[in-house]
Amino acid sequence: MRGILDGHIMLSRRIAAKGRFPAVDIGLSNSRLWEGLVSAGEYTLITKIKRILAEKTEIEEMIEIGSFKAGGTDTKQDNVLRVGQEVERIFIQRANEQCIREKTYQELERAVESLDAKV
């Protein structure tokens, strides 16, 4: 019998080293069915978050090699860094902590809206 759910949750040592647990790499984790498991609004939000986190990673790599300085003249990248850090904060969950799905989505929506308002 074949499984009807196909998903990959990718854990990241880089994310764990930053102290974010669970250390799920949202950008690399995927499922063929996830579009059908969430509402259209949630799907749009998740897609935006994946884009923001990918851009944040690229900006952090540029900072590491010295080709970008946060707080400089590129406010779009500064805003992506700020919102990406807020999203990362929202994703932190302590071992004994329970998260309410709706509350988490609301927090993520507020973070993403703050970026949309500044772009």
N, C-alpha and C. Protein backbone atom coordinates (compact mmCIF):
# COMPACT_ATOMS: atom_id res chain seq x y z
N MET A 1 0.84 -1.18 0.00
CA MET A 1 0.00 0.00 0.00
C MET A 1 0.89 1.25 0.00
N ARG A 2 0.50 2.18 -0.76
CA ARG A 2 1.28 3.41 -0.88
C ARG A 2 0.68 4.49 0.02
N GLY A 3 1.52 5.30 0.63
CA GLY A 3 1.06 6.39 1.49
C GLY A 3 0.42 7.50 0.67
N ILE A 4 -0.61 8.13 1.23
CA ILE A 4 -1.27 9.21 0.50
C ILE A 4 -0.72 10.58 0.88
N LEU A 5 0.09 10.63 1.90
CA LEU A 5 0.73 11.89 2.27
C LEU A 5 2.19 11.82 1.87
N ASP A 6 2.64 12.83 1.21
CA ASP A 6 4.03 12.87 0.78
C ASP A 6 4.60 14.20 1.24
N GLY A 7 5.42 14.15 2.24
CA GLY A 7 5.99 15.39 2.75
C GLY A 7 7.41 15.20 3.20
N HIS A 8 8.13 16.30 3.21
CA HIS A 8 9.52 16.30 3.65
C HIS A 8 9.69 17.45 4.62
N ILE A 9 10.06 17.13 5.85
CA ILE A 9 10.38 18.16 6.83
C ILE A 9 11.89 18.15 6.97
N MET A 10 12.51 19.23 6.55
CA MET A 10 13.96 19.31 6.57
C MET A 10 14.41 20.09 7.80
N LEU A 11 15.24 19.44 8.61
CA LEU A 11 15.82 20.10 9.77
C LEU A 11 17.17 20.68 9.38
N SER A 12 17.55 21.76 10.03
CA SER A 12 18.77 22.47 9.66
C SER A 12 19.67 22.69 10.87
N ARG A 13 20.91 22.27 10.75
CA ARG A 13 21.89 22.54 11.83
C ARG A 13 22.15 24.04 11.94
N ARG A 14 22.13 24.74 10.80
CA ARG A 14 22.34 26.19 10.79
C ARG A 14 21.27 26.88 11.62
N ILE A 15 20.02 26.46 11.44
CA ILE A 15 18.91 27.06 12.19
C ILE A 15 19.01 26.66 13.67
N ALA A 16 19.34 25.42 13.94
CA ALA A 16 19.50 24.97 15.33
C ALA A 16 20.63 25.74 16.03
N ALA A 17 21.71 26.01 15.30
CA ALA A 17 22.84 26.74 15.87
C ALA A 17 22.44 28.16 16.27
N LYS A 18 21.41 28.70 15.61
CA LYS A 18 20.91 30.03 15.95
C LYS A 18 19.97 29.99 17.14
N GLY A 19 19.63 28.77 17.60
CA GLY A 19 18.77 28.64 18.76
C GLY A 19 17.29 28.58 18.46
N ARG A 20 16.92 28.36 17.20
CA ARG A 20 15.50 28.26 16.86
C ARG A 20 15.10 26.80 16.80
N PHE A 21 14.17 26.45 17.66
CA PHE A 21 13.68 25.08 17.70
C PHE A 21 12.16 25.11 17.62
N PRO A 22 11.55 24.20 16.91
CA PRO A 22 12.19 23.16 16.11
C PRO A 22 12.94 23.80 14.94
N ALA A 23 14.05 23.19 14.57
CA ALA A 23 14.95 23.74 13.55
C ALA A 23 14.52 23.32 12.15
N VAL A 24 13.26 23.57 11.83
CA VAL A 24 12.72 23.20 10.52
C VAL A 24 13.10 24.28 9.51
N ASP A 25 13.69 23.84 8.41
CA ASP A 25 14.01 24.76 7.31
C ASP A 25 12.75 24.85 6.45
N ILE A 26 12.03 25.95 6.61
CA ILE A 26 10.76 26.15 5.93
C ILE A 26 10.94 26.15 4.41
N GLY A 27 12.03 26.73 3.95
CA GLY A 27 12.27 26.82 2.51
C GLY A 27 12.50 25.48 1.84
N LEU A 28 13.12 24.54 2.56
CA LEU A 28 13.42 23.23 1.99
C LEU A 28 12.34 22.19 2.29
N SER A 29 11.49 22.45 3.28
CA SER A 29 10.43 21.51 3.62
C SER A 29 9.27 21.70 2.66
N ASN A 30 8.65 20.57 2.28
CA ASN A 30 7.60 20.68 1.28
C ASN A 30 6.70 19.46 1.31
N SER A 31 5.57 19.59 0.67
CA SER A 31 4.63 18.49 0.49
C SER A 31 3.90 18.70 -0.82
N ARG A 32 3.65 17.63 -1.53
CA ARG A 32 2.88 17.75 -2.77
C ARG A 32 1.43 18.11 -2.47
N LEU A 33 0.99 17.86 -1.27
CA LEU A 33 -0.42 18.05 -0.93
C LEU A 33 -0.72 19.30 -0.13
N TRP A 34 0.28 20.08 0.24
CA TRP A 34 0.04 21.15 1.20
C TRP A 34 -0.92 22.21 0.70
N GLU A 35 -1.01 22.41 -0.62
CA GLU A 35 -1.98 23.39 -1.14
C GLU A 35 -3.40 22.99 -0.76
N GLY A 36 -3.68 21.69 -0.72
CA GLY A 36 -5.01 21.22 -0.38
C GLY A 36 -5.26 21.13 1.11
N LEU A 37 -4.23 21.33 1.91
CA LEU A 37 -4.36 21.20 3.36
C LEU A 37 -4.55 22.53 4.07
N VAL A 38 -4.36 23.63 3.34
CA VAL A 38 -4.50 24.96 3.93
C VAL A 38 -5.46 25.79 3.07
N SER A 39 -5.96 26.86 3.64
CA SER A 39 -6.85 27.74 2.89
C SER A 39 -6.04 28.52 1.85
N ALA A 40 -6.74 29.15 0.92
CA ALA A 40 -6.06 29.95 -0.11
C ALA A 40 -5.25 31.08 0.52
N GLY A 41 -5.81 31.70 1.56
CA GLY A 41 -5.09 32.78 2.25
C GLY A 41 -3.84 32.28 2.96
N GLU A 42 -3.95 31.12 3.58
CA GLU A 42 -2.79 30.53 4.26
C GLU A 42 -1.73 30.13 3.24
N TYR A 43 -2.16 29.60 2.11
CA TYR A 43 -1.21 29.23 1.05
C TYR A 43 -0.44 30.46 0.58
N THR A 44 -1.15 31.56 0.35
CA THR A 44 -0.50 32.81 -0.08
C THR A 44 0.48 33.29 0.99
N LEU A 45 0.08 33.24 2.24
CA LEU A 45 0.94 33.67 3.34
C LEU A 45 2.19 32.80 3.44
N ILE A 46 2.02 31.50 3.35
CA ILE A 46 3.17 30.58 3.42
C ILE A 46 4.14 30.84 2.27
N THR A 47 3.61 31.07 1.09
CA THR A 47 4.45 31.36 -0.07
C THR A 47 5.25 32.65 0.16
N LYS A 48 4.61 33.68 0.69
CA LYS A 48 5.32 34.93 0.99
C LYS A 48 6.41 34.71 2.04
N ILE A 49 6.09 33.93 3.06
CA ILE A 49 7.06 33.67 4.12
C ILE A 49 8.27 32.92 3.57
N LYS A 50 8.04 31.94 2.71
CA LYS A 50 9.16 31.21 2.10
C LYS A 50 10.04 32.18 1.31
N ARG A 51 9.41 33.10 0.58
CA ARG A 51 10.17 34.08 -0.21
C ARG A 51 10.98 35.01 0.71
N ILE A 52 10.35 35.48 1.77
CA ILE A 52 11.02 36.38 2.72
C ILE A 52 12.21 35.69 3.35
N LEU A 53 12.03 34.44 3.79
CA LEU A 53 13.13 33.72 4.44
C LEU A 53 14.26 33.43 3.47
N ALA A 54 13.92 33.16 2.19
CA ALA A 54 14.97 32.94 1.19
C ALA A 54 15.76 34.23 0.95
N GLU A 55 15.04 35.35 0.84
CA GLU A 55 15.72 36.65 0.66
C GLU A 55 16.56 36.99 1.88
N LYS A 56 16.03 36.72 3.07
CA LYS A 56 16.78 36.99 4.31
C LYS A 56 18.09 36.21 4.33
N THR A 57 18.04 34.94 3.93
CA THR A 57 19.25 34.12 3.90
C THR A 57 20.27 34.70 2.92
N GLU A 58 19.80 35.14 1.75
CA GLU A 58 20.71 35.74 0.77
C GLU A 58 21.35 37.02 1.32
N ILE A 59 20.55 37.85 1.97
CA ILE A 59 21.07 39.09 2.54
C ILE A 59 22.09 38.79 3.63
N GLU A 60 21.80 37.80 4.49
CA GLU A 60 22.74 37.44 5.54
C GLU A 60 24.06 36.95 4.96
N GLU A 61 23.99 36.22 3.85
CA GLU A 61 25.23 35.78 3.19
C GLU A 61 26.00 36.98 2.63
N MET A 62 25.29 37.97 2.09
CA MET A 62 25.97 39.17 1.60
C MET A 62 26.61 39.94 2.75
N ILE A 63 25.95 39.98 3.89
CA ILE A 63 26.52 40.65 5.06
C ILE A 63 27.79 39.94 5.51
N GLU A 64 27.76 38.60 5.51
CA GLU A 64 28.93 37.81 5.93
C GLU A 64 30.15 38.08 5.06
N ILE A 65 29.95 38.25 3.75
CA ILE A 65 31.10 38.49 2.87
C ILE A 65 31.42 39.98 2.72
N GLY A 66 30.61 40.84 3.37
CA GLY A 66 30.91 42.26 3.38
C GLY A 66 30.36 43.05 2.20
N SER A 67 29.47 42.46 1.41
CA SER A 67 28.94 43.19 0.25
C SER A 67 27.64 43.93 0.56
N PHE A 68 27.16 43.82 1.78
CA PHE A 68 25.96 44.55 2.19
C PHE A 68 26.09 44.89 3.66
N LYS A 69 25.61 46.07 4.00
CA LYS A 69 25.62 46.50 5.40
C LYS A 69 24.19 46.85 5.79
N ALA A 70 23.68 46.16 6.81
CA ALA A 70 22.33 46.44 7.29
C ALA A 70 22.25 47.87 7.79
N GLY A 71 21.10 48.48 7.61
CA GLY A 71 20.91 49.86 8.06
C GLY A 71 21.50 50.87 7.11
N GLY A 72 21.77 50.44 5.91
CA GLY A 72 22.35 51.33 4.91
C GLY A 72 21.30 52.01 4.06
N THR A 73 21.56 52.03 2.77
CA THR A 73 20.68 52.76 1.86
C THR A 73 19.59 51.90 1.24
N ASP A 74 19.66 50.60 1.38
CA ASP A 74 18.66 49.71 0.78
C ASP A 74 17.60 49.36 1.81
N THR A 75 16.56 50.18 1.88
CA THR A 75 15.53 49.98 2.90
C THR A 75 14.72 48.71 2.64
N LYS A 76 14.57 48.30 1.37
CA LYS A 76 13.82 47.07 1.08
C LYS A 76 14.52 45.88 1.74
N GLN A 77 15.83 45.78 1.55
CA GLN A 77 16.55 44.67 2.16
C GLN A 77 16.57 44.76 3.68
N ASP A 78 16.67 45.97 4.20
CA ASP A 78 16.59 46.15 5.65
C ASP A 78 15.24 45.69 6.19
N ASN A 79 14.17 46.01 5.46
CA ASN A 79 12.83 45.58 5.87
C ASN A 79 12.67 44.07 5.78
N VAL A 80 13.24 43.45 4.74
CA VAL A 80 13.20 41.99 4.62
C VAL A 80 13.92 41.36 5.81
N LEU A 81 15.06 41.90 6.18
CA LEU A 81 15.80 41.39 7.35
C LEU A 81 14.95 41.50 8.62
N ARG A 82 14.35 42.65 8.81
CA ARG A 82 13.53 42.89 10.01
C ARG A 82 12.35 41.92 10.06
N VAL A 83 11.62 41.81 8.95
CA VAL A 83 10.45 40.92 8.93
C VAL A 83 10.89 39.47 9.03
N GLY A 84 11.98 39.10 8.37
CA GLY A 84 12.50 37.74 8.46
C GLY A 84 12.86 37.37 9.88
N GLN A 85 13.45 38.31 10.60
CA GLN A 85 13.79 38.06 12.01
C GLN A 85 12.53 37.91 12.86
N GLU A 86 11.50 38.69 12.54
CA GLU A 86 10.22 38.57 13.26
C GLU A 86 9.58 37.22 12.98
N VAL A 87 9.62 36.77 11.73
CA VAL A 87 9.07 35.46 11.36
C VAL A 87 9.83 34.36 12.11
N GLU A 88 11.15 34.47 12.14
CA GLU A 88 11.96 33.48 12.87
C GLU A 88 11.57 33.45 14.35
N ARG A 89 11.31 34.62 14.93
CA ARG A 89 10.90 34.69 16.34
C ARG A 89 9.56 33.98 16.54
N ILE A 90 8.64 34.18 15.61
CA ILE A 90 7.33 33.54 15.70
C ILE A 90 7.47 32.02 15.63
N PHE A 91 8.42 31.54 14.85
CA PHE A 91 8.60 30.10 14.66
C PHE A 91 9.21 29.40 15.87
N ILE A 92 9.78 30.13 16.81
CA ILE A 92 10.39 29.51 17.99
C ILE A 92 9.30 28.91 18.87
N GLN A 93 9.52 27.66 19.25
CA GLN A 93 8.56 26.98 20.12
C GLN A 93 9.34 26.18 21.16
N ARG A 94 9.06 26.43 22.41
CA ARG A 94 9.72 25.68 23.47
C ARG A 94 9.13 24.27 23.55
N ALA A 95 9.89 23.35 24.12
CA ALA A 95 9.50 21.93 24.15
C ALA A 95 8.14 21.71 24.80
N ASN A 96 7.83 22.45 25.85
CA ASN A 96 6.56 22.26 26.55
C ASN A 96 5.49 23.26 26.14
N GLU A 97 5.72 24.02 25.09
CA GLU A 97 4.80 25.07 24.66
C GLU A 97 3.86 24.54 23.58
N GLN A 98 2.60 24.90 23.73
CA GLN A 98 1.64 24.58 22.69
C GLN A 98 1.33 25.85 21.91
N CYS A 99 1.24 25.71 20.61
CA CYS A 99 0.94 26.86 19.76
C CYS A 99 -0.47 26.71 19.19
N ILE A 100 -1.18 27.81 19.16
CA ILE A 100 -2.52 27.82 18.58
C ILE A 100 -2.37 28.26 17.12
N ARG A 101 -2.79 27.42 16.23
CA ARG A 101 -2.59 27.63 14.79
C ARG A 101 -3.09 29.01 14.34
N GLU A 102 -4.31 29.36 14.70
CA GLU A 102 -4.89 30.63 14.26
C GLU A 102 -4.09 31.82 14.76
N LYS A 103 -3.64 31.74 16.01
CA LYS A 103 -2.84 32.83 16.59
C LYS A 103 -1.51 32.97 15.84
N THR A 104 -0.90 31.83 15.52
CA THR A 104 0.38 31.86 14.79
C THR A 104 0.19 32.48 13.42
N TYR A 105 -0.86 32.09 12.71
CA TYR A 105 -1.12 32.68 11.40
C TYR A 105 -1.38 34.18 11.51
N GLN A 106 -2.09 34.62 12.54
CA GLN A 106 -2.34 36.05 12.72
C GLN A 106 -1.03 36.81 12.93
N GLU A 107 -0.14 36.26 13.75
CA GLU A 107 1.15 36.90 13.99
C GLU A 107 1.96 36.97 12.70
N LEU A 108 1.95 35.88 11.94
CA LEU A 108 2.68 35.86 10.67
C LEU A 108 2.09 36.86 9.69
N GLU A 109 0.76 36.96 9.63
CA GLU A 109 0.12 37.93 8.74
C GLU A 109 0.52 39.35 9.09
N ARG A 110 0.55 39.67 10.39
CA ARG A 110 0.94 41.02 10.81
C ARG A 110 2.38 41.32 10.38
N ALA A 111 3.27 40.35 10.56
CA ALA A 111 4.67 40.55 10.18
C ALA A 111 4.79 40.80 8.68
N VAL A 112 4.12 39.99 7.88
CA VAL A 112 4.20 40.11 6.41
C VAL A 112 3.53 41.41 5.95
N GLU A 113 2.42 41.79 6.57
CA GLU A 113 1.74 43.02 6.20
C GLU A 113 2.64 44.23 6.45
N SER A 114 3.44 44.18 7.51
CA SER A 114 4.34 45.30 7.79
C SER A 114 5.38 45.46 6.68
N LEU A 115 5.78 44.34 6.06
CA LEU A 115 6.70 44.41 4.94
C LEU A 115 5.99 44.93 3.70
N ASP A 116 4.80 44.40 3.43
CA ASP A 116 4.03 44.85 2.26
C ASP A 116 3.74 46.35 2.33
N ALA A 117 3.50 46.87 3.53
CA ALA A 117 3.19 48.29 3.69
C ALA A 117 4.41 49.16 3.40
N LYS A 118 5.61 48.63 3.59
CA LYS A 118 6.82 49.44 3.42
C LYS A 118 7.45 49.28 2.05
N VAL A 119 6.97 48.31 1.27
CA VAL A 119 7.58 48.06 -0.05
C VAL A 119 6.84 48.83 -1.11
